[in-house]
């Protein structure tokens, strides 16, 4: 049963804390914008990065002035969580303060003649996103400790529920045994009561018999 309990707890925690990763590569023309949304649970940790793919990957050269983007990340209530203006790459990290859709909008700078940019974008949400970034750079590290405490509380709650279920099962077995014992005693008491009643009736008849014989 211990193995079953541990498996149940592991699956429950895994389900609640499984990370989601959004990875894509897309193109932007000068002056255009693309927004990506992600449904994130409260207290989940998110990290991500984006960068302009160098068109000369075989022979890397500095990116031209036309290859710049402006990025902005917003919460479900449209609070700005990250903003970078005219950059070639960027990173962001935060702990979700509420559940809902979080938005990241990336726009290419307006440039003439028009240029096409290729953007690589990776966004990871969930407790396991800690492996994708150096957490010395992530703000509010106390939130990670809070999440660890929440997981421990969840584990303790599951164990408490498990122990309570075993306690109730034992109590049910005791009640069933008590019911069987009570029914057995009541059956014997019924037979005893019937015997007493028959005995009293016999005694009354035996005492009354001489009286009726004299009257006859």
N, C-alpha and C. Protein backbone atom coordinates (compact mmCIF):
# COMPACT_ATOMS: atom_id res chain seq x y z
N UNK A 1 0.81 -1.20 0.00
CA UNK A 1 0.00 0.00 0.00
C UNK A 1 0.85 1.26 0.00
N UNK A 2 2.03 1.17 0.65
CA UNK A 2 2.93 2.34 0.64
C UNK A 2 3.33 2.69 -0.78
N UNK A 3 3.60 1.67 -1.60
CA UNK A 3 3.98 1.92 -2.99
C UNK A 3 2.83 2.56 -3.74
N UNK A 4 1.60 2.11 -3.49
CA UNK A 4 0.44 2.69 -4.14
C UNK A 4 0.25 4.13 -3.73
N UNK A 5 0.45 4.41 -2.43
CA UNK A 5 0.31 5.78 -1.95
C UNK A 5 1.36 6.69 -2.56
N UNK A 6 2.59 6.24 -2.61
CA UNK A 6 3.66 7.06 -3.18
C UNK A 6 3.41 7.30 -4.66
N UNK A 7 2.90 6.29 -5.37
CA UNK A 7 2.62 6.45 -6.80
C UNK A 7 1.52 7.47 -7.00
N UNK A 8 0.48 7.40 -6.15
CA UNK A 8 -0.62 8.35 -6.26
C UNK A 8 -0.15 9.78 -6.02
N UNK A 9 0.65 9.96 -4.98
CA UNK A 9 1.18 11.30 -4.67
C UNK A 9 2.05 11.81 -5.81
N UNK A 10 2.90 10.93 -6.34
CA UNK A 10 3.80 11.34 -7.43
C UNK A 10 3.00 11.77 -8.65
N UNK A 11 1.97 10.99 -9.01
CA UNK A 11 1.17 11.32 -10.19
C UNK A 11 0.40 12.61 -9.97
N UNK A 12 -0.10 12.81 -8.76
CA UNK A 12 -0.84 14.04 -8.47
C UNK A 12 0.05 15.26 -8.58
N UNK A 13 1.23 15.19 -7.98
CA UNK A 13 2.16 16.31 -8.04
C UNK A 13 2.65 16.53 -9.47
N UNK A 14 2.91 15.43 -10.18
CA UNK A 14 3.37 15.55 -11.57
C UNK A 14 2.33 16.23 -12.44
N UNK A 15 1.04 15.88 -12.20
CA UNK A 15 -0.03 16.49 -12.98
C UNK A 15 -0.14 17.97 -12.71
N UNK A 16 -0.02 18.34 -11.42
CA UNK A 16 -0.17 19.74 -11.06
C UNK A 16 1.00 20.61 -11.49
N UNK A 17 2.18 20.01 -11.51
CA UNK A 17 3.39 20.81 -11.70
C UNK A 17 4.09 20.55 -13.02
N UNK A 18 3.45 19.82 -13.93
CA UNK A 18 4.09 19.53 -15.21
C UNK A 18 4.30 20.83 -15.99
N UNK A 19 5.48 21.05 -16.56
CA UNK A 19 5.76 22.28 -17.29
C UNK A 19 5.20 22.24 -18.70
N UNK A 20 5.01 23.40 -19.28
CA UNK A 20 4.64 23.51 -20.68
C UNK A 20 5.67 24.38 -21.37
N UNK A 21 6.06 23.97 -22.57
CA UNK A 21 7.08 24.70 -23.32
C UNK A 21 6.53 25.07 -24.68
N UNK A 22 6.63 26.34 -25.00
CA UNK A 22 6.21 26.84 -26.30
C UNK A 22 7.46 27.28 -27.05
N UNK A 23 7.75 26.60 -28.14
CA UNK A 23 8.94 26.92 -28.93
C UNK A 23 8.52 27.10 -30.39
N UNK A 24 8.95 28.20 -30.99
CA UNK A 24 8.56 28.45 -32.38
C UNK A 24 9.59 29.34 -33.07
N UNK A 25 9.53 29.28 -34.38
CA UNK A 25 10.33 30.18 -35.24
C UNK A 25 9.37 30.79 -36.25
N UNK A 26 9.36 32.10 -36.34
CA UNK A 26 8.43 32.77 -37.24
C UNK A 26 9.12 33.95 -37.90
N UNK A 27 8.48 34.47 -38.92
CA UNK A 27 9.02 35.60 -39.67
C UNK A 27 8.22 36.86 -39.42
N UNK A 28 8.92 37.98 -39.39
CA UNK A 28 8.29 39.29 -39.23
C UNK A 28 8.83 40.22 -40.30
N UNK A 29 7.93 40.97 -40.92
CA UNK A 29 8.35 42.01 -41.86
C UNK A 29 8.49 43.33 -41.11
N UNK A 30 9.27 44.21 -41.61
CA UNK A 30 9.49 45.51 -40.98
C UNK A 30 8.16 46.18 -40.66
N UNK A 31 8.02 46.63 -39.41
CA UNK A 31 6.80 47.32 -38.99
C UNK A 31 5.68 46.39 -38.54
N UNK A 32 5.85 45.08 -38.67
CA UNK A 32 4.80 44.14 -38.27
C UNK A 32 4.97 43.67 -36.83
N UNK A 33 3.88 43.15 -36.27
CA UNK A 33 3.89 42.66 -34.89
C UNK A 33 3.25 41.28 -34.83
N UNK A 34 3.77 40.45 -33.92
CA UNK A 34 3.16 39.14 -33.65
C UNK A 34 3.04 38.97 -32.14
N UNK A 35 1.84 38.55 -31.70
CA UNK A 35 1.59 38.33 -30.27
C UNK A 35 1.34 36.85 -30.00
N UNK A 36 1.92 36.37 -28.91
CA UNK A 36 1.76 34.98 -28.48
C UNK A 36 1.16 35.00 -27.08
N UNK A 37 0.14 34.18 -26.86
CA UNK A 37 -0.49 34.10 -25.54
C UNK A 37 -0.29 32.72 -24.95
N UNK A 38 -0.25 32.67 -23.63
CA UNK A 38 -0.08 31.40 -22.92
C UNK A 38 -0.93 31.44 -21.65
N UNK A 39 -1.72 30.40 -21.45
CA UNK A 39 -2.54 30.30 -20.25
C UNK A 39 -1.66 29.75 -19.11
N UNK A 40 -1.44 30.56 -18.08
CA UNK A 40 -0.51 30.21 -17.00
C UNK A 40 -1.25 30.24 -15.68
N UNK A 41 -0.98 29.22 -14.83
CA UNK A 41 -1.59 29.16 -13.52
C UNK A 41 -0.86 30.07 -12.53
N UNK A 42 -1.61 30.52 -11.54
CA UNK A 42 -1.03 31.37 -10.50
C UNK A 42 0.13 30.66 -9.80
N UNK A 43 1.18 31.39 -9.51
CA UNK A 43 2.39 30.93 -8.84
C UNK A 43 3.28 30.06 -9.71
N UNK A 44 2.93 29.90 -11.00
CA UNK A 44 3.82 29.18 -11.91
C UNK A 44 4.99 30.07 -12.29
N UNK A 45 6.12 29.45 -12.52
CA UNK A 45 7.33 30.17 -12.90
C UNK A 45 7.48 30.11 -14.42
N UNK A 46 7.74 31.23 -15.03
CA UNK A 46 7.92 31.31 -16.47
C UNK A 46 9.26 31.93 -16.80
N UNK A 47 9.94 31.33 -17.75
CA UNK A 47 11.16 31.91 -18.30
C UNK A 47 11.10 31.77 -19.81
N UNK A 48 11.78 32.65 -20.50
CA UNK A 48 11.76 32.58 -21.95
C UNK A 48 12.87 33.43 -22.55
N UNK A 49 13.04 33.23 -23.83
CA UNK A 49 14.03 34.01 -24.55
C UNK A 49 13.61 34.13 -26.01
N UNK A 50 14.14 35.15 -26.66
CA UNK A 50 13.86 35.37 -28.07
C UNK A 50 15.10 36.02 -28.69
N UNK A 51 15.30 35.75 -29.94
CA UNK A 51 16.44 36.37 -30.64
C UNK A 51 16.20 36.32 -32.14
N UNK A 52 16.85 37.25 -32.80
CA UNK A 52 16.77 37.31 -34.27
C UNK A 52 17.80 36.35 -34.85
N UNK A 53 17.34 35.48 -35.73
CA UNK A 53 18.24 34.52 -36.35
C UNK A 53 19.14 35.25 -37.35
N UNK A 54 20.43 35.04 -37.23
CA UNK A 54 21.38 35.68 -38.13
C UNK A 54 21.20 35.11 -39.54
N UNK A 55 20.90 35.95 -40.52
CA UNK A 55 20.70 35.44 -41.89
C UNK A 55 21.97 34.81 -42.47
N UNK A 56 23.10 35.13 -41.89
CA UNK A 56 24.36 34.54 -42.35
C UNK A 56 24.86 33.53 -41.31
N UNK A 57 24.07 32.46 -41.11
CA UNK A 57 24.42 31.49 -40.07
C UNK A 57 25.72 30.77 -40.37
N UNK A 58 25.99 30.56 -41.66
CA UNK A 58 27.23 29.87 -42.01
C UNK A 58 28.45 30.74 -41.77
N UNK A 59 28.29 32.02 -42.05
CA UNK A 59 29.39 32.96 -41.83
C UNK A 59 28.83 34.14 -41.04
N UNK A 60 28.67 33.99 -39.71
CA UNK A 60 28.03 35.01 -38.89
C UNK A 60 28.68 36.38 -39.05
N UNK A 61 27.84 37.37 -39.25
CA UNK A 61 28.26 38.76 -39.32
C UNK A 61 27.38 39.57 -38.38
N UNK A 62 27.82 40.72 -37.95
CA UNK A 62 26.96 41.57 -37.12
C UNK A 62 25.65 41.86 -37.83
N UNK A 63 24.56 41.84 -37.08
CA UNK A 63 23.25 42.10 -37.68
C UNK A 63 23.15 43.55 -38.13
N UNK A 64 22.51 43.78 -39.27
CA UNK A 64 22.36 45.16 -39.76
C UNK A 64 21.39 45.94 -38.88
N UNK A 65 21.35 47.24 -39.08
CA UNK A 65 20.50 48.12 -38.27
C UNK A 65 19.02 47.79 -38.43
N UNK A 66 18.64 47.19 -39.57
CA UNK A 66 17.24 46.85 -39.81
C UNK A 66 16.77 45.69 -38.94
N UNK A 67 17.71 44.91 -38.39
CA UNK A 67 17.37 43.71 -37.63
C UNK A 67 17.29 44.05 -36.12
N UNK A 68 16.20 44.70 -35.77
CA UNK A 68 15.92 45.05 -34.38
C UNK A 68 14.45 44.77 -34.10
N UNK A 69 14.16 44.38 -32.87
CA UNK A 69 12.77 44.15 -32.49
C UNK A 69 12.48 44.83 -31.16
N UNK A 70 11.21 45.07 -30.94
CA UNK A 70 10.72 45.57 -29.65
C UNK A 70 9.79 44.51 -29.07
N UNK A 71 10.06 44.11 -27.84
CA UNK A 71 9.28 43.04 -27.20
C UNK A 71 8.62 43.57 -25.94
N UNK A 72 7.40 43.08 -25.70
CA UNK A 72 6.67 43.50 -24.50
C UNK A 72 5.83 42.32 -24.00
N UNK A 73 5.93 42.03 -22.73
CA UNK A 73 5.13 40.97 -22.11
C UNK A 73 4.17 41.59 -21.12
N UNK A 74 2.90 41.10 -21.14
CA UNK A 74 1.86 41.67 -20.29
C UNK A 74 1.10 40.57 -19.57
N UNK A 75 0.61 40.91 -18.38
CA UNK A 75 -0.18 40.00 -17.57
C UNK A 75 -1.63 40.03 -18.04
N UNK A 76 -2.50 39.15 -17.49
CA UNK A 76 -3.92 39.19 -17.88
C UNK A 76 -4.58 40.54 -17.62
N UNK A 77 -4.04 41.32 -16.67
CA UNK A 77 -4.59 42.64 -16.38
C UNK A 77 -3.81 43.74 -17.10
N UNK A 78 -3.00 43.34 -18.08
CA UNK A 78 -2.25 44.25 -18.95
C UNK A 78 -1.16 45.02 -18.21
N UNK A 79 -0.67 44.44 -17.14
CA UNK A 79 0.52 45.01 -16.50
C UNK A 79 1.76 44.56 -17.24
N UNK A 80 2.71 45.46 -17.44
CA UNK A 80 3.92 45.15 -18.17
C UNK A 80 4.89 44.37 -17.29
N UNK A 81 5.26 43.17 -17.73
CA UNK A 81 6.19 42.32 -16.99
C UNK A 81 7.59 42.36 -17.58
N UNK A 82 7.68 42.67 -18.86
CA UNK A 82 8.98 42.73 -19.54
C UNK A 82 8.83 43.63 -20.76
N UNK A 83 9.84 44.47 -21.00
CA UNK A 83 9.82 45.35 -22.17
C UNK A 83 11.25 45.63 -22.62
N UNK A 84 11.48 45.47 -23.89
CA UNK A 84 12.79 45.75 -24.47
C UNK A 84 12.56 46.45 -25.81
N UNK A 85 13.31 47.51 -26.07
CA UNK A 85 13.10 48.33 -27.27
C UNK A 85 14.33 48.25 -28.16
N UNK A 86 14.10 47.91 -29.41
CA UNK A 86 15.14 47.86 -30.45
C UNK A 86 16.34 47.02 -30.01
N UNK A 87 16.06 45.73 -29.80
CA UNK A 87 17.11 44.80 -29.38
C UNK A 87 17.20 43.66 -30.39
N UNK A 88 18.32 42.94 -30.32
CA UNK A 88 18.50 41.77 -31.18
C UNK A 88 18.08 40.48 -30.48
N UNK A 89 18.07 40.50 -29.16
CA UNK A 89 17.70 39.33 -28.37
C UNK A 89 17.30 39.79 -26.98
N UNK A 90 16.62 38.92 -26.27
CA UNK A 90 16.19 39.26 -24.92
C UNK A 90 15.73 38.03 -24.15
N UNK A 91 15.64 38.19 -22.85
CA UNK A 91 15.16 37.14 -21.97
C UNK A 91 14.19 37.74 -20.97
N UNK A 92 13.30 36.89 -20.46
CA UNK A 92 12.37 37.34 -19.44
C UNK A 92 12.12 36.21 -18.45
N UNK A 93 11.71 36.58 -17.26
CA UNK A 93 11.38 35.60 -16.22
C UNK A 93 10.46 36.26 -15.21
N UNK A 94 9.50 35.51 -14.71
CA UNK A 94 8.57 36.04 -13.72
C UNK A 94 7.82 34.88 -13.06
N UNK A 95 7.19 35.19 -11.94
CA UNK A 95 6.30 34.26 -11.26
C UNK A 95 4.88 34.81 -11.40
N UNK A 96 3.99 34.00 -11.95
CA UNK A 96 2.62 34.46 -12.23
C UNK A 96 1.91 34.81 -10.93
N UNK A 97 1.36 36.03 -10.89
CA UNK A 97 0.63 36.48 -9.71
C UNK A 97 -0.85 36.16 -9.79
N UNK A 98 -1.31 35.71 -10.96
CA UNK A 98 -2.71 35.38 -11.16
C UNK A 98 -2.84 34.38 -12.30
N UNK A 99 -3.95 33.69 -12.35
CA UNK A 99 -4.20 32.73 -13.41
C UNK A 99 -4.86 33.43 -14.59
N UNK A 100 -4.40 33.12 -15.80
CA UNK A 100 -4.99 33.74 -16.99
C UNK A 100 -4.05 33.70 -18.17
N UNK A 101 -4.43 34.43 -19.22
CA UNK A 101 -3.64 34.49 -20.44
C UNK A 101 -2.59 35.60 -20.34
N UNK A 102 -1.34 35.20 -20.49
CA UNK A 102 -0.22 36.15 -20.52
C UNK A 102 0.20 36.34 -21.98
N UNK A 103 0.53 37.57 -22.36
CA UNK A 103 0.81 37.90 -23.75
C UNK A 103 2.25 38.39 -23.92
N UNK A 104 2.86 37.93 -24.99
CA UNK A 104 4.15 38.46 -25.42
C UNK A 104 4.00 38.95 -26.85
N UNK A 105 4.29 40.22 -27.07
CA UNK A 105 4.17 40.82 -28.40
C UNK A 105 5.56 41.26 -28.87
N UNK A 106 5.92 40.81 -30.04
CA UNK A 106 7.22 41.16 -30.63
C UNK A 106 6.96 41.86 -31.96
N UNK A 107 7.54 43.03 -32.11
CA UNK A 107 7.35 43.79 -33.36
C UNK A 107 8.70 44.15 -33.95
N UNK A 108 8.78 44.07 -35.26
CA UNK A 108 10.00 44.47 -35.97
C UNK A 108 9.99 45.98 -36.18
N UNK A 109 11.14 46.60 -36.04
CA UNK A 109 11.20 48.05 -36.22
C UNK A 109 10.82 48.41 -37.66
N UNK A 110 10.23 49.57 -37.79
CA UNK A 110 9.82 50.04 -39.12
C UNK A 110 11.08 50.50 -39.87
N UNK A 111 11.35 49.86 -40.99
CA UNK A 111 12.60 50.14 -41.70
C UNK A 111 12.34 50.11 -43.21
N UNK A 112 13.02 51.00 -43.91
CA UNK A 112 12.93 51.06 -45.38
C UNK A 112 14.33 50.90 -45.96
N UNK A 113 14.49 50.04 -46.96
CA UNK A 113 13.46 49.17 -47.55
C UNK A 113 13.05 48.06 -46.58
N UNK A 114 11.86 47.51 -46.83
CA UNK A 114 11.30 46.49 -45.93
C UNK A 114 12.22 45.28 -45.85
N UNK A 115 12.36 44.75 -44.61
CA UNK A 115 13.23 43.60 -44.36
C UNK A 115 12.42 42.51 -43.66
N UNK A 116 12.76 41.26 -43.93
CA UNK A 116 12.12 40.13 -43.25
C UNK A 116 13.05 39.57 -42.20
N UNK A 117 12.55 39.49 -40.97
CA UNK A 117 13.33 38.96 -39.85
C UNK A 117 12.80 37.58 -39.45
N UNK A 118 13.70 36.69 -39.10
CA UNK A 118 13.32 35.38 -38.56
C UNK A 118 13.59 35.38 -37.06
N UNK A 119 12.54 35.08 -36.28
CA UNK A 119 12.62 35.15 -34.82
C UNK A 119 12.52 33.74 -34.23
N UNK A 120 13.41 33.44 -33.33
CA UNK A 120 13.31 32.22 -32.52
C UNK A 120 12.74 32.61 -31.16
N UNK A 121 11.70 31.89 -30.73
CA UNK A 121 11.02 32.24 -29.48
C UNK A 121 10.77 30.97 -28.66
N UNK A 122 11.20 30.98 -27.40
CA UNK A 122 10.99 29.83 -26.50
C UNK A 122 10.41 30.37 -25.20
N UNK A 123 9.32 29.72 -24.75
CA UNK A 123 8.63 30.15 -23.53
C UNK A 123 8.28 28.91 -22.72
N UNK A 124 8.85 28.79 -21.52
CA UNK A 124 8.61 27.63 -20.66
C UNK A 124 7.92 28.08 -19.39
N UNK A 125 6.83 27.38 -19.03
CA UNK A 125 6.08 27.69 -17.82
C UNK A 125 5.91 26.45 -16.98
N UNK A 126 6.03 26.61 -15.67
CA UNK A 126 5.88 25.48 -14.77
C UNK A 126 7.08 25.39 -13.85
N UNK A 127 6.96 24.55 -12.82
CA UNK A 127 8.02 24.48 -11.82
C UNK A 127 9.32 23.97 -12.41
N UNK A 128 9.27 23.09 -13.45
CA UNK A 128 10.49 22.52 -14.00
C UNK A 128 11.22 23.47 -14.93
N UNK A 129 10.64 24.66 -15.16
CA UNK A 129 11.36 25.64 -15.98
C UNK A 129 12.60 26.15 -15.28
N UNK A 130 12.79 25.78 -14.00
CA UNK A 130 13.99 26.21 -13.29
C UNK A 130 15.25 25.67 -13.95
N UNK A 131 15.12 24.58 -14.72
CA UNK A 131 16.30 24.00 -15.33
C UNK A 131 16.73 24.74 -16.60
N UNK A 132 15.90 25.66 -17.05
CA UNK A 132 16.20 26.30 -18.33
C UNK A 132 16.88 27.65 -18.17
N UNK A 133 17.17 28.06 -16.92
CA UNK A 133 17.77 29.39 -16.74
C UNK A 133 18.58 29.42 -15.46
N UNK A 134 19.57 30.32 -15.44
CA UNK A 134 20.35 30.56 -14.23
C UNK A 134 19.49 31.36 -13.26
N UNK A 135 19.09 30.73 -12.14
CA UNK A 135 18.14 31.38 -11.25
C UNK A 135 18.75 32.50 -10.43
N UNK A 136 20.06 32.71 -10.52
CA UNK A 136 20.65 33.86 -9.86
C UNK A 136 20.19 35.17 -10.52
N UNK A 137 19.67 35.06 -11.76
CA UNK A 137 19.21 36.24 -12.48
C UNK A 137 17.70 36.44 -12.37
N UNK A 138 17.02 35.51 -11.72
CA UNK A 138 15.57 35.58 -11.65
C UNK A 138 15.15 36.33 -10.39
N UNK A 139 14.27 37.32 -10.50
CA UNK A 139 13.84 38.08 -9.32
C UNK A 139 12.90 37.26 -8.45
N UNK A 140 12.73 37.72 -7.19
CA UNK A 140 11.80 37.11 -6.26
C UNK A 140 12.09 35.63 -6.06
N UNK A 141 13.29 35.30 -5.68
CA UNK A 141 13.66 33.91 -5.47
C UNK A 141 12.86 33.31 -4.31
N UNK A 142 12.34 34.18 -3.42
CA UNK A 142 11.53 33.67 -2.31
C UNK A 142 10.29 32.96 -2.81
N UNK A 143 9.84 33.33 -4.02
CA UNK A 143 8.67 32.66 -4.58
C UNK A 143 8.93 31.18 -4.81
N UNK A 144 10.18 30.85 -5.17
CA UNK A 144 10.53 29.44 -5.37
C UNK A 144 10.39 28.67 -4.06
N UNK A 145 10.85 29.27 -2.97
CA UNK A 145 10.72 28.63 -1.67
C UNK A 145 9.26 28.46 -1.30
N UNK A 146 8.45 29.46 -1.62
CA UNK A 146 7.03 29.37 -1.34
C UNK A 146 6.40 28.23 -2.11
N UNK A 147 6.85 28.05 -3.36
CA UNK A 147 6.30 26.97 -4.16
C UNK A 147 6.72 25.62 -3.59
N UNK A 148 7.97 25.53 -3.12
CA UNK A 148 8.43 24.28 -2.51
C UNK A 148 7.59 23.95 -1.27
N UNK A 149 7.29 24.99 -0.47
CA UNK A 149 6.45 24.77 0.72
C UNK A 149 5.06 24.34 0.32
N UNK A 150 4.55 24.91 -0.78
CA UNK A 150 3.22 24.52 -1.25
C UNK A 150 3.19 23.05 -1.65
N UNK A 151 4.26 22.60 -2.31
CA UNK A 151 4.34 21.20 -2.72
C UNK A 151 4.39 20.30 -1.48
N UNK A 152 5.17 20.71 -0.48
CA UNK A 152 5.24 19.92 0.75
C UNK A 152 3.90 19.88 1.45
N UNK A 153 3.20 21.01 1.48
CA UNK A 153 1.87 21.03 2.09
C UNK A 153 0.92 20.10 1.33
N UNK A 154 1.02 20.11 0.01
CA UNK A 154 0.18 19.23 -0.81
C UNK A 154 0.47 17.77 -0.48
N UNK A 155 1.75 17.44 -0.36
CA UNK A 155 2.13 16.06 -0.03
C UNK A 155 1.58 15.68 1.34
N UNK A 156 1.71 16.59 2.33
CA UNK A 156 1.20 16.31 3.67
C UNK A 156 -0.32 16.15 3.65
N UNK A 157 -1.00 16.97 2.83
CA UNK A 157 -2.45 16.88 2.75
C UNK A 157 -2.88 15.53 2.18
N UNK A 158 -2.18 15.09 1.12
CA UNK A 158 -2.51 13.80 0.52
C UNK A 158 -2.29 12.67 1.52
N UNK A 159 -1.18 12.75 2.26
CA UNK A 159 -0.92 11.71 3.27
C UNK A 159 -1.98 11.74 4.36
N UNK A 160 -2.41 12.93 4.76
CA UNK A 160 -3.44 13.05 5.79
C UNK A 160 -4.75 12.44 5.31
N UNK A 161 -5.11 12.73 4.04
CA UNK A 161 -6.33 12.14 3.48
C UNK A 161 -6.22 10.63 3.42
N UNK A 162 -5.04 10.14 3.03
CA UNK A 162 -4.82 8.69 2.94
C UNK A 162 -4.99 8.04 4.32
N UNK A 163 -4.38 8.66 5.37
CA UNK A 163 -4.49 8.11 6.72
C UNK A 163 -5.93 8.17 7.21
N UNK A 164 -6.64 9.25 6.87
CA UNK A 164 -8.03 9.37 7.28
C UNK A 164 -8.89 8.29 6.63
N UNK A 165 -8.61 7.98 5.37
CA UNK A 165 -9.35 6.92 4.68
C UNK A 165 -9.13 5.57 5.36
N UNK A 166 -7.88 5.29 5.76
CA UNK A 166 -7.60 4.03 6.46
C UNK A 166 -8.30 4.00 7.82
N UNK A 167 -8.31 5.16 8.52
CA UNK A 167 -8.97 5.23 9.82
C UNK A 167 -10.46 4.95 9.67
N UNK A 168 -11.09 5.58 8.66
CA UNK A 168 -12.52 5.37 8.44
C UNK A 168 -12.82 3.93 8.05
N UNK A 169 -11.92 3.32 7.28
CA UNK A 169 -12.11 1.92 6.90
C UNK A 169 -12.05 1.02 8.14
N UNK A 170 -11.10 1.29 9.05
CA UNK A 170 -11.01 0.51 10.29
C UNK A 170 -12.24 0.73 11.16
N UNK A 171 -12.71 1.98 11.23
CA UNK A 171 -13.91 2.26 12.01
C UNK A 171 -15.12 1.55 11.44
N UNK A 172 -15.20 1.49 10.11
CA UNK A 172 -16.31 0.79 9.47
C UNK A 172 -16.27 -0.70 9.80
N UNK A 173 -15.08 -1.28 9.79
CA UNK A 173 -14.94 -2.69 10.14
C UNK A 173 -15.36 -2.94 11.59
N UNK A 174 -14.97 -2.03 12.49
CA UNK A 174 -15.37 -2.15 13.90
C UNK A 174 -16.88 -2.06 14.05
N UNK A 175 -17.51 -1.14 13.32
CA UNK A 175 -18.95 -0.99 13.41
C UNK A 175 -19.67 -2.21 12.87
N UNK A 176 -19.16 -2.79 11.78
CA UNK A 176 -19.76 -4.00 11.25
C UNK A 176 -19.66 -5.15 12.24
N UNK A 177 -18.50 -5.27 12.89
CA UNK A 177 -18.32 -6.31 13.90
C UNK A 177 -19.25 -6.09 15.09
N UNK A 178 -19.41 -4.82 15.49
CA UNK A 178 -20.32 -4.49 16.59
C UNK A 178 -21.75 -4.82 16.22
N UNK A 179 -22.14 -4.53 14.96
CA UNK A 179 -23.50 -4.84 14.51
C UNK A 179 -23.75 -6.35 14.54
N UNK A 180 -22.77 -7.12 14.05
CA UNK A 180 -22.92 -8.58 14.06
C UNK A 180 -23.04 -9.10 15.49
N UNK A 181 -22.21 -8.58 16.39
CA UNK A 181 -22.26 -9.01 17.79
C UNK A 181 -23.59 -8.64 18.43
N UNK A 182 -24.06 -7.42 18.15
CA UNK A 182 -25.35 -6.97 18.71
C UNK A 182 -26.50 -7.81 18.19
N UNK A 183 -26.50 -8.10 16.89
CA UNK A 183 -27.57 -8.93 16.31
C UNK A 183 -27.57 -10.33 16.93
N UNK A 184 -26.38 -10.88 17.14
CA UNK A 184 -26.29 -12.21 17.75
C UNK A 184 -26.83 -12.19 19.18
N UNK A 185 -26.46 -11.17 19.94
CA UNK A 185 -26.94 -11.07 21.33
C UNK A 185 -28.44 -10.85 21.37
N UNK A 186 -28.96 -10.04 20.44
CA UNK A 186 -30.40 -9.80 20.41
C UNK A 186 -31.15 -11.07 20.08
N UNK A 187 -30.60 -11.91 19.21
CA UNK A 187 -31.25 -13.18 18.87
C UNK A 187 -31.32 -14.08 20.10
N UNK A 188 -30.19 -14.18 20.82
CA UNK A 188 -30.19 -15.00 22.05
C UNK A 188 -31.13 -14.42 23.09
N UNK A 189 -31.19 -13.10 23.21
CA UNK A 189 -32.09 -12.47 24.17
C UNK A 189 -33.55 -12.74 23.82
N UNK A 190 -33.85 -12.75 22.51
CA UNK A 190 -35.22 -13.03 22.08
C UNK A 190 -35.63 -14.44 22.46
N UNK A 191 -34.72 -15.41 22.20
CA UNK A 191 -35.02 -16.81 22.59
C UNK A 191 -35.16 -16.94 24.10
N UNK A 192 -34.30 -16.21 24.85
CA UNK A 192 -34.37 -16.26 26.30
C UNK A 192 -35.69 -15.67 26.80
N UNK A 193 -36.10 -14.54 26.20
CA UNK A 193 -37.36 -13.91 26.59
C UNK A 193 -38.54 -14.83 26.30
N UNK A 194 -38.49 -15.49 25.14
CA UNK A 194 -39.56 -16.44 24.80
C UNK A 194 -39.62 -17.58 25.80
N UNK A 195 -38.43 -18.09 26.20
CA UNK A 195 -38.39 -19.17 27.19
C UNK A 195 -38.95 -18.73 28.53
N UNK A 196 -38.60 -17.51 28.95
CA UNK A 196 -39.11 -16.99 30.22
C UNK A 196 -40.63 -16.84 30.17
N UNK A 197 -41.12 -16.30 29.06
CA UNK A 197 -42.57 -16.11 28.92
C UNK A 197 -43.30 -17.45 28.98
N UNK A 198 -42.77 -18.46 28.27
CA UNK A 198 -43.41 -19.77 28.29
C UNK A 198 -43.35 -20.38 29.68
N UNK A 199 -42.22 -20.18 30.39
CA UNK A 199 -42.08 -20.72 31.75
C UNK A 199 -43.10 -20.07 32.68
N UNK A 200 -43.22 -18.73 32.60
CA UNK A 200 -44.19 -18.02 33.46
C UNK A 200 -45.61 -18.48 33.17
N UNK A 201 -45.91 -18.63 31.86
CA UNK A 201 -47.26 -19.09 31.49
C UNK A 201 -47.52 -20.49 32.04
N UNK A 202 -46.50 -21.37 31.99
CA UNK A 202 -46.65 -22.73 32.52
C UNK A 202 -46.88 -22.74 34.02
N UNK A 203 -46.12 -21.88 34.74
CA UNK A 203 -46.27 -21.79 36.19
C UNK A 203 -47.67 -21.27 36.56
N UNK A 204 -48.13 -20.25 35.83
CA UNK A 204 -49.45 -19.72 36.11
C UNK A 204 -50.53 -20.78 35.89
N UNK A 205 -50.36 -21.54 34.80
CA UNK A 205 -51.34 -22.59 34.52
C UNK A 205 -51.31 -23.66 35.62
N UNK A 206 -50.08 -24.00 36.09
CA UNK A 206 -49.95 -25.05 37.11
C UNK A 206 -50.57 -24.61 38.44
N UNK A 207 -50.39 -23.31 38.81
CA UNK A 207 -50.97 -22.79 40.05
C UNK A 207 -52.49 -22.62 39.92
N UNK A 208 -52.95 -22.31 38.75
CA UNK A 208 -54.39 -22.07 38.57
C UNK A 208 -55.18 -23.36 38.42
N UNK A 209 -54.54 -24.46 38.05
CA UNK A 209 -55.25 -25.71 37.78
C UNK A 209 -56.03 -26.23 38.99
N UNK A 210 -55.45 -26.28 40.24
CA UNK A 210 -56.22 -26.77 41.41
C UNK A 210 -57.45 -25.92 41.67
N UNK A 211 -57.37 -24.61 41.47
CA UNK A 211 -58.51 -23.72 41.72
C UNK A 211 -59.68 -24.07 40.81
N UNK A 212 -59.37 -24.30 39.53
CA UNK A 212 -60.46 -24.62 38.58
C UNK A 212 -61.01 -26.04 38.84
N UNK A 213 -60.15 -26.97 39.35
CA UNK A 213 -60.62 -28.31 39.62
C UNK A 213 -61.60 -28.31 40.81
N UNK A 214 -61.32 -27.46 41.85
CA UNK A 214 -62.22 -27.39 43.02
C UNK A 214 -63.57 -26.83 42.64
N UNK A 215 -63.58 -25.85 41.73
CA UNK A 215 -64.84 -25.24 41.33
C UNK A 215 -65.68 -26.22 40.54
N UNK A 216 -65.02 -27.13 39.82
CA UNK A 216 -65.78 -28.12 39.08
C UNK A 216 -66.33 -29.19 40.03
